Amino acid sequence: MEKIDKISQISSELWKPIERREVVQSIGGESLTHWQDVRRRFRQNKLSVFGVFIMLFLVFVAIFGSYISPYNYSDQNIDFKSIPPRFPIRKLNEDTYFYLDPVMGAFTVTENGRLLEKVTDVRENIQEKKRIYNIEETEVVFDFNEKPYRIKNSQGEEIKVYKKVFNRLYVFGTDDLGRDICVRIIYGARISMIVGLVSAISNLTIGVLYGAISGFIGGRTDMIMMRIREVLSSIPRLLYVIILMLIFGSGVKTVAITIGLTSWLGMAKMVRGQVLSLKESEYVLAAKTVGASTWRIITKHLIPNTLGIVIIEAAMRIPNSIFT
């Protein structure tokens, strides 16, 4: 009885739970979507950002570069054919400089490398193996008797190279028809950009969607879609070009349409294989459970998870289309 009395005298306040005194650190952060996370990772990769700036610069040059140059891609100047982008000049007197090539001839230039005109007053001395140029009423002798050849003045003194300068008139030089190589490269870059852009759009739209739908739906639909792809890929690309040339004529448009019709076939097969392995994942099952439609599952869950290999494959196929 005494023990019971002692227990009954214990206050109920002594049975209150002890408060936790340790401080629990809360973990929190901003919730990011898939594309926000992609942008964040991309900005952190300095080499990728640098590569994008290089691509933008090349695109800018390809679009607006021809407006800066005074020449067209078809303009010819036979006097200045096969001129290199950098050449050695020799000093004839205080105000006269010239560039002499054993095949192309002699050209008067400025001290900073701007071509002025081709020297046309030339005499050949076949017996003595010499060629004599009259530059500003001063004879310059090209002597073939010695190897390497020597360039001398009328007194027989050798005219040394004064310095090497960059071509101020044609930045990349000229071809064997006297056309500006720089302008022709810019115009060629435009065509390459058009072909590459058409190839990228074809791969990233038709190819990705076609392969994703085929792989996700499966069954007879998959079989029919893949047989159609195989029939199209069995036709040589040259045959597409010939047929389209009969319809649209020759030109960049015909090449672009041909690339657009054929470049997506390999991408579709690759995306189909990726989707076949991803469609059994838990997140796809969860999306089906909550009632997501087939289109939503393909566009919101499957395609974003194949973008890594899709981008790599597209990057490999774009130059292949350009070189085709």
C-alpha atoms as a PDB file:
ATOM      1  CA  MET A   1       0.000   0.000   0.000  1.00  0.00           C
ATOM      2  CA  GLU A   2       2.839   2.358   0.811  1.00  0.00           C
ATOM      3  CA  LYS A   3       4.274   1.815  -2.663  1.00  0.00           C
ATOM      4  CA  ILE A   4       0.924   2.646  -4.247  1.00  0.00           C
ATOM      5  CA  ASP A   5       0.649   5.824  -2.203  1.00  0.00           C
ATOM      6  CA  LYS A   6       4.133   6.914  -3.311  1.00  0.00           C
ATOM      7  CA  ILE A   7       3.306   6.342  -6.973  1.00  0.00           C
ATOM      8  CA  SER A   8       0.067   8.274  -6.702  1.00  0.00           C
ATOM      9  CA  GLN A   9       1.999  11.219  -5.314  1.00  0.00           C
ATOM     10  CA  ILE A  10       4.124  11.548  -8.510  1.00  0.00           C
ATOM     11  CA  SER A  11       3.108  14.626 -10.423  1.00  0.00           C
ATOM     12  CA  SER A  12       1.889  14.242 -14.008  1.00  0.00           C
ATOM     13  CA  GLU A  13       4.189  17.062 -15.097  1.00  0.00           C
ATOM     14  CA  LEU A  14       7.125  14.694 -14.691  1.00  0.00           C
ATOM     15  CA  TRP A  15       5.750  12.541 -17.545  1.00  0.00           C
ATOM     16  CA  LYS A  16       5.873  15.311 -20.186  1.00  0.00           C
ATOM     17  CA  PRO A  17       8.108  14.467 -23.185  1.00  0.00           C
ATOM     18  CA  ILE A  18      11.467  16.174 -23.368  1.00  0.00           C
ATOM     19  CA  GLU A  19      11.743  18.830 -26.048  1.00  0.00           C
ATOM     20  CA  ARG A  20      14.321  18.181 -28.762  1.00  0.00           C
ATOM     21  CA  ARG A  21      17.013  20.806 -28.556  1.00  0.00           C
ATOM     22  CA  GLU A  22      19.105  19.945 -31.619  1.00  0.00           C
ATOM     23  CA  VAL A  23      18.595  22.226 -34.564  1.00  0.00           C
ATOM     24  CA  VAL A  24      17.489  20.398 -37.691  1.00  0.00           C
ATOM     25  CA  GLN A  25      18.907  22.043 -40.785  1.00  0.00           C
ATOM     26  CA  SER A  26      16.253  22.497 -43.434  1.00  0.00           C
ATOM     27  CA  ILE A  27      17.162  21.468 -46.984  1.00  0.00           C
ATOM     28  CA  GLY A  28      15.498  23.473 -49.678  1.00  0.00           C
ATOM     29  CA  GLY A  29      16.116  24.897 -53.091  1.00  0.00           C
ATOM     30  CA  GLU A  30      14.522  26.182 -56.230  1.00  0.00           C
ATOM     31  CA  SER A  31      12.661  23.551 -58.204  1.00  0.00           C
ATOM     32  CA  LEU A  32      13.897  23.340 -61.801  1.00  0.00           C
ATOM     33  CA  THR A  33      12.217  21.898 -64.837  1.00  0.00           C
ATOM     34  CA  HIS A  34      14.098  19.711 -67.293  1.00  0.00           C
ATOM     35  CA  TRP A  35      14.836  22.551 -69.730  1.00  0.00           C
ATOM     36  CA  GLN A  36      15.826  24.948 -66.934  1.00  0.00           C
ATOM     37  CA  ASP A  37      18.339  22.393 -65.733  1.00  0.00           C
ATOM     38  CA  VAL A  38      19.623  22.004 -69.311  1.00  0.00           C
ATOM     39  CA  ARG A  39      20.153  25.772 -69.625  1.00  0.00           C
ATOM     40  CA  ARG A  40      21.921  25.925 -66.253  1.00  0.00           C
ATOM     41  CA  ARG A  41      24.296  23.101 -67.148  1.00  0.00           C
ATOM     42  CA  PHE A  42      24.936  24.615 -70.563  1.00  0.00           C
ATOM     43  CA  ARG A  43      25.898  28.010 -69.122  1.00  0.00           C
ATOM     44  CA  GLN A  44      28.305  26.305 -66.729  1.00  0.00           C
ATOM     45  CA  ASN A  45      30.111  24.598 -69.619  1.00  0.00           C
ATOM     46  CA  LYS A  46      32.445  27.311 -70.901  1.00  0.00           C
ATOM     47  CA  LEU A  47      33.606  25.350 -73.957  1.00  0.00           C
ATOM     48  CA  SER A  48      30.015  24.843 -75.115  1.00  0.00           C
ATOM     49  CA  VAL A  49      29.257  28.550 -74.751  1.00  0.00           C
ATOM     50  CA  PHE A  50      32.441  29.398 -76.654  1.00  0.00           C
ATOM     51  CA  GLY A  51      31.464  26.975 -79.420  1.00  0.00           C
ATOM     52  CA  VAL A  52      28.048  28.617 -79.744  1.00  0.00           C
ATOM     53  CA  PHE A  53      29.671  32.043 -80.135  1.00  0.00           C
ATOM     54  CA  ILE A  54      31.915  30.665 -82.886  1.00  0.00           C
ATOM     55  CA  MET A  55      28.892  29.237 -84.691  1.00  0.00           C
ATOM     56  CA  LEU A  56      27.021  32.540 -84.398  1.00  0.00           C
ATOM     57  CA  PHE A  57      30.036  34.383 -85.785  1.00  0.00           C
ATOM     58  CA  LEU A  58      30.244  32.031 -88.776  1.00  0.00           C
ATOM     59  CA  VAL A  59      26.520  32.432 -89.408  1.00  0.00           C
ATOM     60  CA  PHE A  60      26.864  36.225 -89.262  1.00  0.00           C
ATOM     61  CA  VAL A  61      29.774  36.170 -91.725  1.00  0.00           C
ATOM     62  CA  ALA A  62      27.929  33.831 -94.090  1.00  0.00           C
ATOM     63  CA  ILE A  63      24.861  36.083 -94.136  1.00  0.00           C
ATOM     64  CA  PHE A  64      26.379  39.569 -94.138  1.00  0.00           C
ATOM     65  CA  GLY A  65      29.981  38.991 -95.275  1.00  0.00           C
ATOM     66  CA  SER A  66      29.249  39.419 -98.958  1.00  0.00           C
ATOM     67  CA  TYR A  67      27.797  42.908 -98.333  1.00  0.00           C
ATOM     68  CA  ILE A  68      31.133  44.067 -96.944  1.00  0.00           C
ATOM     69  CA  SER A  69      33.231  42.852 -99.882  1.00  0.00           C
ATOM     70  CA  PRO A  70      33.165  44.925-103.090  1.00  0.00           C
ATOM     71  CA  TYR A  71      33.329  41.754-105.207  1.00  0.00           C
ATOM     72  CA  ASN A  72      30.763  39.200-106.298  1.00  0.00           C
ATOM     73  CA  TYR A  73      31.435  35.466-106.333  1.00  0.00           C
ATOM     74  CA  SER A  74      31.545  35.473-110.159  1.00  0.00           C
ATOM     75  CA  ASP A  75      33.634  38.647-110.679  1.00  0.00           C
ATOM     76  CA  GLN A  76      36.884  37.943-112.526  1.00  0.00           C
ATOM     77  CA  ASN A  77      40.116  39.856-112.903  1.00  0.00           C
ATOM     78  CA  ILE A  78      42.422  37.903-115.189  1.00  0.00           C
ATOM     79  CA  ASP A  79      45.341  40.205-114.393  1.00  0.00           C
ATOM     80  CA  PHE A  80      45.262  39.169-110.733  1.00  0.00           C
ATOM     81  CA  LYS A  81      44.798  35.403-111.036  1.00  0.00           C
ATOM     82  CA  SER A  82      46.421  32.942-108.614  1.00  0.00           C
ATOM     83  CA  ILE A  83      47.521  35.677-106.204  1.00  0.00           C
ATOM     84  CA  PRO A  84      48.311  34.254-102.725  1.00  0.00           C
ATOM     85  CA  PRO A  85      46.935  35.776 -99.505  1.00  0.00           C
ATOM     86  CA  ARG A  86      50.498  36.662 -98.409  1.00  0.00           C
ATOM     87  CA  PHE A  87      53.433  37.381-100.666  1.00  0.00           C
ATOM     88  CA  PRO A  88      56.958  38.873-100.598  1.00  0.00           C
ATOM     89  CA  ILE A  89      57.516  42.332-102.057  1.00  0.00           C
ATOM     90  CA  ARG A  90      60.696  43.956-103.252  1.00  0.00           C
ATOM     91  CA  LYS A  91      61.628  47.616-103.137  1.00  0.00           C
ATOM     92  CA  LEU A  92      62.601  49.169-106.450  1.00  0.00           C
ATOM     93  CA  ASN A  93      62.950  52.767-105.250  1.00  0.00           C
ATOM     94  CA  GLU A  94      61.529  54.992-102.535  1.00  0.00           C
ATOM     95  CA  ASP A  95      57.983  54.912-103.890  1.00  0.00           C
ATOM     96  CA  THR A  96      57.836  51.715-105.980  1.00  0.00           C
ATOM     97  CA  TYR A  97      57.346  48.185-104.722  1.00  0.00           C
ATOM     98  CA  PHE A  98      56.627  45.070-106.725  1.00  0.00           C
ATOM     99  CA  TYR A  99      55.734  41.422-106.317  1.00  0.00           C
ATOM    100  CA  LEU A 100      57.182  38.981-108.829  1.00  0.00           C
ATOM    101  CA  ASP A 101      56.033  35.411-109.415  1.00  0.00           C
ATOM    102  CA  PRO A 102      57.933  33.173-111.879  1.00  0.00           C
ATOM    103  CA  VAL A 103      54.678  31.950-113.457  1.00  0.00           C
ATOM    104  CA  MET A 104      52.126  34.744-112.973  1.00  0.00           C
ATOM    105  CA  GLY A 105      54.459  37.654-113.668  1.00  0.00           C
ATOM    106  CA  ALA A 106      55.185  40.961-111.925  1.00  0.00           C
ATOM    107  CA  PHE A 107      52.755  43.271-110.117  1.00  0.00           C
ATOM    108  CA  THR A 108      53.205  46.728-108.694  1.00  0.00           C
ATOM    109  CA  VAL A 109      51.988  46.982-105.103  1.00  0.00           C
ATOM    110  CA  THR A 110      51.911  49.433-102.240  1.00  0.00           C
ATOM    111  CA  GLU A 111      54.106  49.046 -99.200  1.00  0.00           C
ATOM    112  CA  ASN A 112      51.220  47.616 -97.147  1.00  0.00           C
ATOM    113  CA  GLY A 113      50.298  44.970 -99.773  1.00  0.00           C
ATOM    114  CA  ARG A 114      47.583  46.488-101.971  1.00  0.00           C
ATOM    115  CA  LEU A 115      47.884  45.316-105.582  1.00  0.00           C
ATOM    116  CA  LEU A 116      47.968  48.134-108.112  1.00  0.00           C
ATOM    117  CA  GLU A 117      48.399  46.665-111.594  1.00  0.00           C
ATOM    118  CA  LYS A 118      50.093  43.913-113.531  1.00  0.00           C
ATOM    119  CA  VAL A 119      53.292  44.758-115.393  1.00  0.00           C
ATOM    120  CA  THR A 120      52.644  44.230-119.101  1.00  0.00           C
ATOM    121  CA  ASP A 121      55.897  45.565-120.541  1.00  0.00           C
ATOM    122  CA  VAL A 122      57.834  42.282-120.632  1.00  0.00           C
ATOM    123  CA  ARG A 123      60.680  41.085-122.891  1.00  0.00           C
ATOM    124  CA  GLU A 124      61.879  37.496-123.139  1.00  0.00           C
ATOM    125  CA  ASN A 125      65.555  36.661-123.733  1.00  0.00           C
ATOM    126  CA  ILE A 126      65.411  32.943-124.387  1.00  0.00           C
ATOM    127  CA  GLN A 127      69.094  32.548-125.255  1.00  0.00           C
ATOM    128  CA  GLU A 128      70.279  34.071-121.981  1.00  0.00           C
ATOM    129  CA  LYS A 129      67.344  32.560-120.050  1.00  0.00           C
ATOM    130  CA  LYS A 130      66.162  35.899-118.758  1.00  0.00           C
ATOM    131  CA  ARG A 131      62.888  37.797-118.564  1.00  0.00           C
ATOM    132  CA  ILE A 132      63.025  41.575-118.370  1.00  0.00           C
ATOM    133  CA  TYR A 133      60.222  43.648-116.831  1.00  0.00           C
ATOM    134  CA  ASN A 134      59.946  47.388-117.309  1.00  0.00           C
ATOM    135  CA  ILE A 135      58.577  48.776-114.027  1.00  0.00           C
ATOM    136  CA  GLU A 136      58.299  52.551-113.744  1.00  0.00           C
ATOM    137  CA  GLU A 137      60.872  52.907-116.579  1.00  0.00           C
ATOM    138  CA  THR A 138      63.294  50.745-114.617  1.00  0.00           C
ATOM    139  CA  GLU A 139      64.369  47.313-115.829  1.00  0.00           C
ATOM    140  CA  VAL A 140      63.989  44.337-113.523  1.00  0.00           C
ATOM    141  CA  VAL A 141      65.685  41.154-114.718  1.00  0.00           C
ATOM    142  CA  PHE A 142      64.349  37.732-113.812  1.00  0.00           C
ATOM    143  CA  ASP A 143      67.368  35.427-114.151  1.00  0.00           C
ATOM    144  CA  PHE A 144      66.658  31.716-114.710  1.00  0.00           C
ATOM    145  CA  ASN A 145      70.305  30.757-115.060  1.00  0.00           C
ATOM    146  CA  GLU A 146      70.795  30.337-111.323  1.00  0.00           C
ATOM    147  CA  LYS A 147      68.946  28.097-108.905  1.00  0.00           C
ATOM    148  CA  PRO A 148      67.213  29.369-106.957  1.00  0.00           C
ATOM    149  CA  TYR A 149      66.342  32.077-109.444  1.00  0.00           C
ATOM    150  CA  ARG A 150      67.487  35.636-108.812  1.00  0.00           C
ATOM    151  CA  ILE A 151      65.840  38.998-109.439  1.00  0.00           C
ATOM    152  CA  LYS A 152      68.273  41.728-110.414  1.00  0.00           C
ATOM    153  CA  ASN A 153      68.252  45.326-111.521  1.00  0.00           C
ATOM    154  CA  SER A 154      69.748  46.640-114.751  1.00  0.00           C
ATOM    155  CA  GLN A 155      73.199  46.885-113.101  1.00  0.00           C
ATOM    156  CA  GLY A 156      73.154  43.174-112.206  1.00  0.00           C
ATOM    157  CA  GLU A 157      72.622  43.751-108.487  1.00  0.00           C
ATOM    158  CA  GLU A 158      70.220  41.378-106.791  1.00  0.00           C
ATOM    159  CA  ILE A 159      66.987  42.901-105.455  1.00  0.00           C
ATOM    160  CA  LYS A 160      66.358  41.315-102.076  1.00  0.00           C
ATOM    161  CA  VAL A 161      62.958  40.694-100.550  1.00  0.00           C
ATOM    162  CA  TYR A 162      61.931  43.814 -98.664  1.00  0.00           C
ATOM    163  CA  LYS A 163      59.265  42.142 -96.508  1.00  0.00           C
ATOM    164  CA  LYS A 164      56.239  39.854 -96.647  1.00  0.00           C
ATOM    165  CA  VAL A 165      52.832  41.485 -96.604  1.00  0.00           C
ATOM    166  CA  PHE A 166      49.239  40.344 -96.523  1.00  0.00           C
ATOM    167  CA  ASN A 167      47.090  40.760 -99.587  1.00  0.00           C
ATOM    168  CA  ARG A 168      44.994  43.871 -98.887  1.00  0.00           C
ATOM    169  CA  LEU A 169      42.893  43.546-102.033  1.00  0.00           C
ATOM    170  CA  TYR A 170      41.967  39.852-101.793  1.00  0.00           C
ATOM    171  CA  VAL A 171      42.115  38.580 -98.221  1.00  0.00           C
ATOM    172  CA  PHE A 172      42.248  34.865 -99.145  1.00  0.00           C
ATOM    173  CA  GLY A 173      43.858  35.451-102.522  1.00  0.00           C
ATOM    174  CA  THR A 174      42.418  34.598-105.944  1.00  0.00           C
ATOM    175  CA  ASP A 175      41.916  31.385-107.907  1.00  0.00           C
ATOM    176  CA  ASP A 176      43.275  30.557-111.348  1.00  0.00           C
ATOM    177  CA  LEU A 177      40.436  32.541-112.958  1.00  0.00           C
ATOM    178  CA  GLY A 178      41.027  35.706-110.939  1.00  0.00           C
ATOM    179  CA  ARG A 179      38.006  35.325-108.621  1.00  0.00           C
ATOM    180  CA  ASP A 180      38.050  36.347-104.976  1.00  0.00           C
ATOM    181  CA  ILE A 181      38.351  33.160-102.893  1.00  0.00           C
ATOM    182  CA  CYS A 182      37.046  34.832 -99.707  1.00  0.00           C
ATOM    183  CA  VAL A 183      33.738  35.852-101.307  1.00  0.00           C
ATOM    184  CA  ARG A 184      33.344  32.435-102.890  1.00  0.00           C
ATOM    185  CA  ILE A 185      33.872  30.789 -99.492  1.00  0.00           C
ATOM    186  CA  ILE A 186      31.179  33.040 -97.991  1.00  0.00           C
ATOM    187  CA  TYR A 187      28.690  32.117-100.710  1.00  0.00           C
ATOM    188  CA  GLY A 188      29.606  28.456-100.292  1.00  0.00           C
ATOM    189  CA  ALA A 189      29.027  28.746 -96.545  1.00  0.00           C
ATOM    190  CA  ARG A 190      25.482  29.957 -97.235  1.00  0.00           C
ATOM    191  CA  ILE A 191      24.715  26.832 -99.247  1.00  0.00           C
ATOM    192  CA  SER A 192      26.268  24.630 -96.562  1.00  0.00           C
ATOM    193  CA  MET A 193      24.173  26.380 -93.911  1.00  0.00           C
ATOM    194  CA  ILE A 194      20.967  25.844 -95.885  1.00  0.00           C
ATOM    195  CA  VAL A 195      21.719  22.148 -96.390  1.00  0.00           C
ATOM    196  CA  GLY A 196      22.740  21.714 -92.739  1.00  0.00           C
ATOM    197  CA  LEU A 197      19.641  23.538 -91.480  1.00  0.00           C
ATOM    198  CA  VAL A 198      17.309  21.430 -93.624  1.00  0.00           C
ATOM    199  CA  SER A 199      19.072  18.267 -92.464  1.00  0.00           C
ATOM    200  CA  ALA A 200      18.808  19.279 -88.793  1.00  0.00           C
ATOM    201  CA  ILE A 201      15.109  20.147 -89.058  1.00  0.00           C
ATOM    202  CA  SER A 202      14.401  16.898 -90.885  1.00  0.00           C
ATOM    203  CA  ASN A 203      16.291  14.823 -88.300  1.00  0.00           C
ATOM    204  CA  LEU A 204      14.883  16.554 -85.223  1.00  0.00           C
ATOM    205  CA  THR A 205      11.243  16.596 -86.361  1.00  0.00           C
ATOM    206  CA  ILE A 206      10.395  13.846 -88.825  1.00  0.00           C
ATOM    207  CA  GLY A 207      13.064  11.396 -87.731  1.00  0.00           C
ATOM    208  CA  VAL A 208      12.577  11.769 -83.968  1.00  0.00           C
ATOM    209  CA  LEU A 209       8.761  11.724 -84.051  1.00  0.00           C
ATOM    210  CA  TYR A 210       8.571   8.889 -86.574  1.00  0.00           C
ATOM    211  CA  GLY A 211      10.945   6.680 -84.587  1.00  0.00           C
ATOM    212  CA  ALA A 212       9.356   7.535 -81.215  1.00  0.00           C
ATOM    213  CA  ILE A 213       5.808   6.763 -82.400  1.00  0.00           C
ATOM    214  CA  SER A 214       6.927   3.526 -84.023  1.00  0.00           C
ATOM    215  CA  GLY A 215       8.834   2.322 -80.970  1.00  0.00           C
ATOM    216  CA  PHE A 216       6.208   3.276 -78.370  1.00  0.00           C
ATOM    217  CA  ILE A 217       3.109   1.932 -80.115  1.00  0.00           C
ATOM    218  CA  GLY A 218       4.827  -1.251 -81.306  1.00  0.00           C
ATOM    219  CA  GLY A 219       3.028  -4.228 -82.815  1.00  0.00           C
ATOM    220  CA  ARG A 220       1.725  -4.046 -86.368  1.00  0.00           C
ATOM    221  CA  THR A 221       2.089  -0.252 -86.458  1.00  0.00           C
ATOM    222  CA  ASP A 222       5.790  -0.571 -85.697  1.00  0.00           C
ATOM    223  CA  MET A 223       6.251  -3.225 -88.362  1.00  0.00           C
ATOM    224  CA  ILE A 224       4.498  -1.178 -91.076  1.00  0.00           C
ATOM    225  CA  MET A 225       6.360   2.043 -90.218  1.00  0.00           C
ATOM    226  CA  MET A 226       9.734   0.311 -90.241  1.00  0.00           C
ATOM    227  CA  ARG A 227       9.024  -1.408 -93.574  1.00  0.00           C
ATOM    228  CA  ILE A 228       8.174   2.001 -95.075  1.00  0.00           C
ATOM    229  CA  ARG A 229      11.468   3.370 -93.739  1.00  0.00           C
ATOM    230  CA  GLU A 230      13.414   0.467 -95.208  1.00  0.00           C
ATOM    231  CA  VAL A 231      11.786   0.918 -98.637  1.00  0.00           C
ATOM    232  CA  LEU A 232      12.671   4.632 -98.645  1.00  0.00           C
ATOM    233  CA  SER A 233      16.246   3.988 -97.525  1.00  0.00           C
ATOM    234  CA  SER A 234      16.737   1.362-100.249  1.00  0.00           C
ATOM    235  CA  ILE A 235      16.208   3.976-103.004  1.00  0.00           C
ATOM    236  CA  PRO A 236      19.517   5.651-104.004  1.00  0.00           C
ATOM    237  CA  ARG A 237      19.722   9.337-103.198  1.00  0.00           C
ATOM    238  CA  LEU A 238      20.857  10.060-106.737  1.00  0.00           C
ATOM    239  CA  LEU A 239      17.479   8.847-108.010  1.00  0.00           C
ATOM    240  CA  TYR A 240      15.719  11.359-105.732  1.00  0.00           C
ATOM    241  CA  VAL A 241      17.935  14.111-107.142  1.00  0.00           C
ATOM    242  CA  ILE A 242      17.171  13.154-110.759  1.00  0.00           C
ATOM    243  CA  ILE A 243      13.405  13.035-110.160  1.00  0.00           C
ATOM    244  CA  LEU A 244      13.357  16.348-108.300  1.00  0.00           C
ATOM    245  CA  MET A 245      15.544  17.997-110.943  1.00  0.00           C
ATOM    246  CA  LEU A 246      12.917  17.101-113.521  1.00  0.00           C
ATOM    247  CA  ILE A 247      10.254  18.736-111.333  1.00  0.00           C
ATOM    248  CA  PHE A 248      12.034  21.763-109.814  1.00  0.00           C
ATOM    249  CA  GLY A 249      15.127  22.090-111.982  1.00  0.00           C
ATOM    250  CA  SER A 250      18.730  22.128-110.770  1.00  0.00           C
ATOM    251  CA  GLY A 251      19.771  24.304-107.854  1.00  0.00           C
ATOM    252  CA  VAL A 252      20.062  24.562-104.110  1.00  0.00           C
ATOM    253  CA  LYS A 253      16.316  24.012-103.643  1.00  0.00           C
ATOM    254  CA  THR A 254      16.507  20.578-105.250  1.00  0.00           C
ATOM    255  CA  VAL A 255      19.446  19.581-103.050  1.00  0.00           C
ATOM    256  CA  ALA A 256      17.690  20.837 -99.897  1.00  0.00           C
ATOM    257  CA  ILE A 257      14.491  18.913-100.673  1.00  0.00           C
ATOM    258  CA  THR A 258      16.471  15.745-101.364  1.00  0.00           C
ATOM    259  CA  ILE A 259      18.324  16.062 -98.064  1.00  0.00           C
ATOM    260  CA  GLY A 260      15.044  16.683 -96.237  1.00  0.00           C
ATOM    261  CA  LEU A 261      13.422  13.585 -97.740  1.00  0.00           C
ATOM    262  CA  THR A 262      16.256  11.179 -96.966  1.00  0.00           C
ATOM    263  CA  SER A 263      18.314  12.406 -93.994  1.00  0.00           C
ATOM    264  CA  TRP A 264      15.763  11.433 -91.302  1.00  0.00           C
ATOM    265  CA  LEU A 265      15.711   7.700 -92.076  1.00  0.00           C
ATOM    266  CA  GLY A 266      18.722   6.778 -89.949  1.00  0.00           C
ATOM    267  CA  MET A 267      17.573   8.996 -87.080  1.00  0.00           C
ATOM    268  CA  ALA A 268      14.156   7.293 -87.010  1.00  0.00           C
ATOM    269  CA  LYS A 269      15.732   3.853 -86.637  1.00  0.00           C
ATOM    270  CA  MET A 270      18.015   5.001 -83.826  1.00  0.00           C
ATOM    271  CA  VAL A 271      15.235   6.775 -81.875  1.00  0.00           C
ATOM    272  CA  ARG A 272      13.002   3.724 -82.214  1.00  0.00           C
ATOM    273  CA  GLY A 273      15.650   1.565 -80.551  1.00  0.00           C
ATOM    274  CA  GLN A 274      15.999   4.043 -77.687  1.00  0.00           C
ATOM    275  CA  VAL A 275      12.245   4.272 -77.141  1.00  0.00           C
ATOM    276  CA  LEU A 276      11.909   0.478 -77.086  1.00  0.00           C
ATOM    277  CA  SER A 277      14.277   0.374 -74.110  1.00  0.00           C
ATOM    278  CA  LEU A 278      12.711   3.382 -72.331  1.00  0.00           C
ATOM    279  CA  LYS A 279       9.011   2.621 -72.653  1.00  0.00           C
ATOM    280  CA  GLU A 280       9.212  -0.085 -69.951  1.00  0.00           C
ATOM    281  CA  SER A 281      10.598   2.383 -67.385  1.00  0.00           C
ATOM    282  CA  GLU A 282       8.779   3.198 -64.149  1.00  0.00           C
ATOM    283  CA  TYR A 283       8.078   6.821 -65.017  1.00  0.00           C
ATOM    284  CA  VAL A 284       6.320   5.753 -68.226  1.00  0.00           C
ATOM    285  CA  LEU A 285       4.193   3.278 -66.233  1.00  0.00           C
ATOM    286  CA  ALA A 286       3.396   6.025 -63.727  1.00  0.00           C
ATOM    287  CA  ALA A 287       2.337   8.364 -66.545  1.00  0.00           C
ATOM    288  CA  LYS A 288       0.032   5.690 -67.960  1.00  0.00           C
ATOM    289  CA  THR A 289      -1.409   5.102 -64.484  1.00  0.00           C
ATOM    290  CA  VAL A 290      -2.410   8.740 -64.021  1.00  0.00           C
ATOM    291  CA  GLY A 291      -4.061   8.744 -67.459  1.00  0.00           C
ATOM    292  CA  ALA A 292      -1.485  10.551 -69.619  1.00  0.00           C
ATOM    293  CA  SER A 293      -2.168  10.321 -73.350  1.00  0.00           C
ATOM    294  CA  THR A 294       0.159   8.604 -75.813  1.00  0.00           C
ATOM    295  CA  TRP A 295       1.198  11.929 -77.341  1.00  0.00           C
ATOM    296  CA  ARG A 296       2.052  13.393 -73.925  1.00  0.00           C
ATOM    297  CA  ILE A 297       4.107  10.351 -72.920  1.00  0.00           C
ATOM    298  CA  ILE A 298       6.070  10.507 -76.183  1.00  0.00           C
ATOM    299  CA  THR A 299       6.704  14.260 -76.169  1.00  0.00           C
ATOM    300  CA  LYS A 300       7.076  14.897 -72.416  1.00  0.00           C
ATOM    301  CA  HIS A 301       8.769  11.732 -71.169  1.00  0.00           C
ATOM    302  CA  LEU A 302      10.372   9.650 -73.912  1.00  0.00           C
ATOM    303  CA  ILE A 303      11.792  12.188 -76.386  1.00  0.00           C
ATOM    304  CA  PRO A 304      13.460  14.384 -73.699  1.00  0.00           C
ATOM    305  CA  ASN A 305      15.258  11.296 -72.381  1.00  0.00           C
ATOM    306  CA  THR A 306      16.646  10.483 -75.827  1.00  0.00           C
ATOM    307  CA  LEU A 307      17.933  14.002 -76.559  1.00  0.00           C
ATOM    308  CA  GLY A 308      21.520  13.195 -75.611  1.00  0.00           C
ATOM    309  CA  ILE A 309      22.055  10.610 -78.312  1.00  0.00           C
ATOM    310  CA  VAL A 310      19.736  12.481 -80.721  1.00  0.00           C
ATOM    311  CA  ILE A 311      21.918  15.605 -80.573  1.00  0.00           C
ATOM    312  CA  ILE A 312      25.082  13.577 -81.118  1.00  0.00           C
ATOM    313  CA  GLU A 313      23.545  11.711 -84.051  1.00  0.00           C
ATOM    314  CA  ALA A 314      22.239  14.938 -85.605  1.00  0.00           C
ATOM    315  CA  ALA A 315      25.654  16.579 -85.222  1.00  0.00           C
ATOM    316  CA  MET A 316      27.212  13.652 -87.102  1.00  0.00           C
ATOM    317  CA  ARG A 317      24.603  13.621 -89.874  1.00  0.00           C
ATOM    318  CA  ILE A 318      24.655  17.364 -90.628  1.00  0.00           C
ATOM    319  CA  PRO A 319      28.255  17.407 -91.999  1.00  0.00           C
ATOM    320  CA  ASN A 320      27.522  14.153 -93.815  1.00  0.00           C
ATOM    321  CA  SER A 321      24.607  15.866 -95.567  1.00  0.00           C
ATOM    322  CA  ILE A 322      26.760  18.900 -96.418  1.00  0.00           C
ATOM    323  CA  PHE A 323      29.503  16.766 -97.983  1.00  0.00           C
ATOM    324  CA  THR A 324      26.922  14.783 -99.919  1.00  0.00           C
END
